[in-house]
């Protein structure tokens, strides 16, 4: 098969165009996966921050201290509220980089003895 002048250049341009399109598609998929993975990681960190806030509130209640309303945890913040007297509900929301998760703990306070009744994540 004999090539006409310029035909090789056209084939080379087509080959490189296909290669660039395939590479661009692969890079776009990698970027999407990385962003999804980062979001999942930040969501997990927000949950762990919320749990840290709930645990801090439990420690303060055991020590008969007032739990903090806000607790810095690393680069995130746990916002804590405690309601009730006999049966108390601790709600802790962990926030980091725009992601937030909330944990709610119900405890029974009987003569200074705290019993955890429930420990759940609350979906907004």
C-alpha atoms as a PDB file:
ATOM      1  CA  UNK A   1       0.000   0.000   0.000  1.00  0.00           C
ATOM      2  CA  UNK A   2       1.428   3.285  -1.094  1.00  0.00           C
ATOM      3  CA  UNK A   3       0.760   6.495   0.865  1.00  0.00           C
ATOM      4  CA  UNK A   4       0.064   9.758  -0.885  1.00  0.00           C
ATOM      5  CA  UNK A   5       1.969  12.844   0.264  1.00  0.00           C
ATOM      6  CA  UNK A   6       0.490  14.186   3.549  1.00  0.00           C
ATOM      7  CA  UNK A   7      -1.491  11.017   4.267  1.00  0.00           C
ATOM      8  CA  UNK A   8       0.942   9.947   7.000  1.00  0.00           C
ATOM      9  CA  UNK A   9       0.560  13.308   8.703  1.00  0.00           C
ATOM     10  CA  UNK A  10      -3.247  12.945   8.724  1.00  0.00           C
ATOM     11  CA  UNK A  11      -3.002   9.444  10.236  1.00  0.00           C
ATOM     12  CA  UNK A  12      -0.576  10.719  12.852  1.00  0.00           C
ATOM     13  CA  UNK A  13      -2.938  13.581  13.767  1.00  0.00           C
ATOM     14  CA  UNK A  14      -5.877  11.155  14.086  1.00  0.00           C
ATOM     15  CA  UNK A  15      -3.819   8.823  16.283  1.00  0.00           C
ATOM     16  CA  UNK A  16      -2.717  11.655  18.586  1.00  0.00           C
ATOM     17  CA  UNK A  17      -6.258  13.048  18.764  1.00  0.00           C
ATOM     18  CA  UNK A  18      -7.618   9.673  19.904  1.00  0.00           C
ATOM     19  CA  UNK A  19      -4.779   9.329  22.422  1.00  0.00           C
ATOM     20  CA  UNK A  20      -5.488  12.795  23.857  1.00  0.00           C
ATOM     21  CA  UNK A  21      -9.219  12.070  24.160  1.00  0.00           C
ATOM     22  CA  UNK A  22      -8.604   8.758  25.959  1.00  0.00           C
ATOM     23  CA  UNK A  23      -6.053  10.338  28.306  1.00  0.00           C
ATOM     24  CA  UNK A  24      -8.369  13.259  29.108  1.00  0.00           C
ATOM     25  CA  UNK A  25     -11.203  10.847  29.911  1.00  0.00           C
ATOM     26  CA  UNK A  26      -8.970   8.798  32.210  1.00  0.00           C
ATOM     27  CA  UNK A  27      -7.795  11.927  34.041  1.00  0.00           C
ATOM     28  CA  UNK A  28     -11.404  13.121  34.467  1.00  0.00           C
ATOM     29  CA  UNK A  29     -12.376   9.767  36.027  1.00  0.00           C
ATOM     30  CA  UNK A  30      -9.383   9.901  38.382  1.00  0.00           C
ATOM     31  CA  UNK A  31     -10.292  13.429  39.507  1.00  0.00           C
ATOM     32  CA  UNK A  32     -13.910  12.418  40.172  1.00  0.00           C
ATOM     33  CA  UNK A  33     -12.800   9.392  42.211  1.00  0.00           C
ATOM     34  CA  UNK A  34     -10.350  11.478  44.225  1.00  0.00           C
ATOM     35  CA  UNK A  35     -13.002  14.078  45.058  1.00  0.00           C
ATOM     36  CA  UNK A  36     -15.498  11.392  46.107  1.00  0.00           C
ATOM     37  CA  UNK A  37     -12.869   9.727  48.263  1.00  0.00           C
ATOM     38  CA  UNK A  38     -11.958  13.053  49.903  1.00  0.00           C
ATOM     39  CA  UNK A  39     -15.615  13.747  50.687  1.00  0.00           C
ATOM     40  CA  UNK A  40     -16.037  10.326  52.245  1.00  0.00           C
ATOM     41  CA  UNK A  41     -12.908  10.839  54.343  1.00  0.00           C
ATOM     42  CA  UNK A  42     -14.113  14.254  55.582  1.00  0.00           C
ATOM     43  CA  UNK A  43     -17.518  12.767  56.429  1.00  0.00           C
ATOM     44  CA  UNK A  44     -15.836  10.077  58.524  1.00  0.00           C
ATOM     45  CA  UNK A  45     -13.694  12.694  60.258  1.00  0.00           C
ATOM     46  CA  UNK A  46     -16.820  14.762  61.037  1.00  0.00           C
ATOM     47  CA  UNK A  47     -18.423  11.660  62.593  1.00  0.00           C
ATOM     48  CA  UNK A  48     -15.323  11.013  64.724  1.00  0.00           C
ATOM     49  CA  UNK A  49     -15.334  14.649  65.874  1.00  0.00           C
ATOM     50  CA  UNK A  50     -19.017  14.318  66.844  1.00  0.00           C
ATOM     51  CA  UNK A  51     -18.219  11.173  68.837  1.00  0.00           C
ATOM     52  CA  UNK A  52     -15.336  12.976  70.570  1.00  0.00           C
ATOM     53  CA  UNK A  53     -17.737  15.728  71.616  1.00  0.00           C
ATOM     54  CA  UNK A  54     -20.218  13.174  72.979  1.00  0.00           C
ATOM     55  CA  UNK A  55     -17.458  11.391  74.903  1.00  0.00           C
ATOM     56  CA  UNK A  56     -16.233  14.701  76.366  1.00  0.00           C
ATOM     57  CA  UNK A  57     -19.774  15.505  77.496  1.00  0.00           C
ATOM     58  CA  UNK A  58     -20.053  12.071  79.138  1.00  0.00           C
ATOM     59  CA  UNK A  59     -16.770  12.610  80.999  1.00  0.00           C
ATOM     60  CA  UNK A  60     -17.919  16.022  82.202  1.00  0.00           C
ATOM     61  CA  UNK A  61     -21.252  14.588  83.393  1.00  0.00           C
ATOM     62  CA  UNK A  62     -19.461  11.792  85.277  1.00  0.00           C
ATOM     63  CA  UNK A  63     -17.231  14.402  86.952  1.00  0.00           C
ATOM     64  CA  UNK A  64     -20.306  16.542  87.698  1.00  0.00           C
ATOM     65  CA  UNK A  65     -19.043  19.357  85.492  1.00  0.00           C
ATOM     66  CA  UNK A  66     -20.862  21.395  82.893  1.00  0.00           C
ATOM     67  CA  UNK A  67     -20.088  20.035  79.407  1.00  0.00           C
ATOM     68  CA  UNK A  68     -18.673  22.577  76.948  1.00  0.00           C
ATOM     69  CA  UNK A  69     -20.953  23.935  74.235  1.00  0.00           C
ATOM     70  CA  UNK A  70     -18.098  23.842  71.730  1.00  0.00           C
ATOM     71  CA  UNK A  71     -15.022  21.635  71.613  1.00  0.00           C
ATOM     72  CA  UNK A  72     -12.172  22.083  69.116  1.00  0.00           C
ATOM     73  CA  UNK A  73     -10.961  18.708  67.815  1.00  0.00           C
ATOM     74  CA  UNK A  74      -7.983  19.005  65.475  1.00  0.00           C
ATOM     75  CA  UNK A  75      -9.080  21.270  62.634  1.00  0.00           C
ATOM     76  CA  UNK A  76     -12.778  20.547  63.297  1.00  0.00           C
ATOM     77  CA  UNK A  77     -15.259  21.583  65.971  1.00  0.00           C
ATOM     78  CA  UNK A  78     -17.800  19.601  67.969  1.00  0.00           C
ATOM     79  CA  UNK A  79     -20.914  21.499  69.057  1.00  0.00           C
ATOM     80  CA  UNK A  80     -22.418  19.887  72.157  1.00  0.00           C
ATOM     81  CA  UNK A  81     -25.777  20.246  73.881  1.00  0.00           C
ATOM     82  CA  UNK A  82     -27.110  18.372  76.909  1.00  0.00           C
ATOM     83  CA  UNK A  83     -30.797  18.380  77.812  1.00  0.00           C
ATOM     84  CA  UNK A  84     -32.803  16.735  80.596  1.00  0.00           C
ATOM     85  CA  UNK A  85     -32.043  15.912  84.202  1.00  0.00           C
ATOM     86  CA  UNK A  86     -32.748  12.218  85.067  1.00  0.00           C
ATOM     87  CA  UNK A  87     -32.584  10.944  81.531  1.00  0.00           C
ATOM     88  CA  UNK A  88     -30.198  13.194  79.648  1.00  0.00           C
ATOM     89  CA  UNK A  89     -29.770  13.551  75.902  1.00  0.00           C
ATOM     90  CA  UNK A  90     -26.349  14.552  74.586  1.00  0.00           C
ATOM     91  CA  UNK A  91     -26.318  15.853  71.021  1.00  0.00           C
ATOM     92  CA  UNK A  92     -22.933  16.414  69.432  1.00  0.00           C
ATOM     93  CA  UNK A  93     -22.372  17.718  65.906  1.00  0.00           C
ATOM     94  CA  UNK A  94     -18.930  17.421  64.346  1.00  0.00           C
ATOM     95  CA  UNK A  95     -18.029  19.881  61.589  1.00  0.00           C
ATOM     96  CA  UNK A  96     -14.939  19.902  59.367  1.00  0.00           C
ATOM     97  CA  UNK A  97     -14.470  21.626  56.004  1.00  0.00           C
ATOM     98  CA  UNK A  98     -18.203  22.023  55.388  1.00  0.00           C
ATOM     99  CA  UNK A  99     -19.057  18.388  56.283  1.00  0.00           C
ATOM    100  CA  UNK A 100     -21.109  17.689  59.405  1.00  0.00           C
ATOM    101  CA  UNK A 101     -22.359  14.614  61.221  1.00  0.00           C
ATOM    102  CA  UNK A 102     -24.431  14.394  64.405  1.00  0.00           C
ATOM    103  CA  UNK A 103     -24.386  11.837  67.219  1.00  0.00           C
ATOM    104  CA  UNK A 104     -27.079  11.590  69.891  1.00  0.00           C
ATOM    105  CA  UNK A 105     -26.465   9.755  73.167  1.00  0.00           C
ATOM    106  CA  UNK A 106     -29.156   9.084  75.763  1.00  0.00           C
ATOM    107  CA  UNK A 107     -27.945   8.428  79.316  1.00  0.00           C
ATOM    108  CA  UNK A 108     -29.702   7.654  82.575  1.00  0.00           C
ATOM    109  CA  UNK A 109     -28.275   9.501  85.567  1.00  0.00           C
ATOM    110  CA  UNK A 110     -29.158   7.620  88.761  1.00  0.00           C
ATOM    111  CA  UNK A 111     -27.431   8.865  91.895  1.00  0.00           C
ATOM    112  CA  UNK A 112     -24.264   9.807  90.025  1.00  0.00           C
ATOM    113  CA  UNK A 113     -24.156   6.574  88.029  1.00  0.00           C
ATOM    114  CA  UNK A 114     -24.417   7.178  84.285  1.00  0.00           C
ATOM    115  CA  UNK A 115     -25.841   4.400  82.134  1.00  0.00           C
ATOM    116  CA  UNK A 116     -25.733   4.768  78.350  1.00  0.00           C
ATOM    117  CA  UNK A 117     -29.125   3.844  76.944  1.00  0.00           C
ATOM    118  CA  UNK A 118     -28.640   4.693  73.266  1.00  0.00           C
ATOM    119  CA  UNK A 119     -25.831   5.906  71.018  1.00  0.00           C
ATOM    120  CA  UNK A 120     -27.015   6.788  67.504  1.00  0.00           C
ATOM    121  CA  UNK A 121     -26.063   8.887  64.540  1.00  0.00           C
ATOM    122  CA  UNK A 122     -28.801  11.313  63.536  1.00  0.00           C
ATOM    123  CA  UNK A 123     -29.304  11.919  59.840  1.00  0.00           C
ATOM    124  CA  UNK A 124     -30.293  15.472  58.949  1.00  0.00           C
END
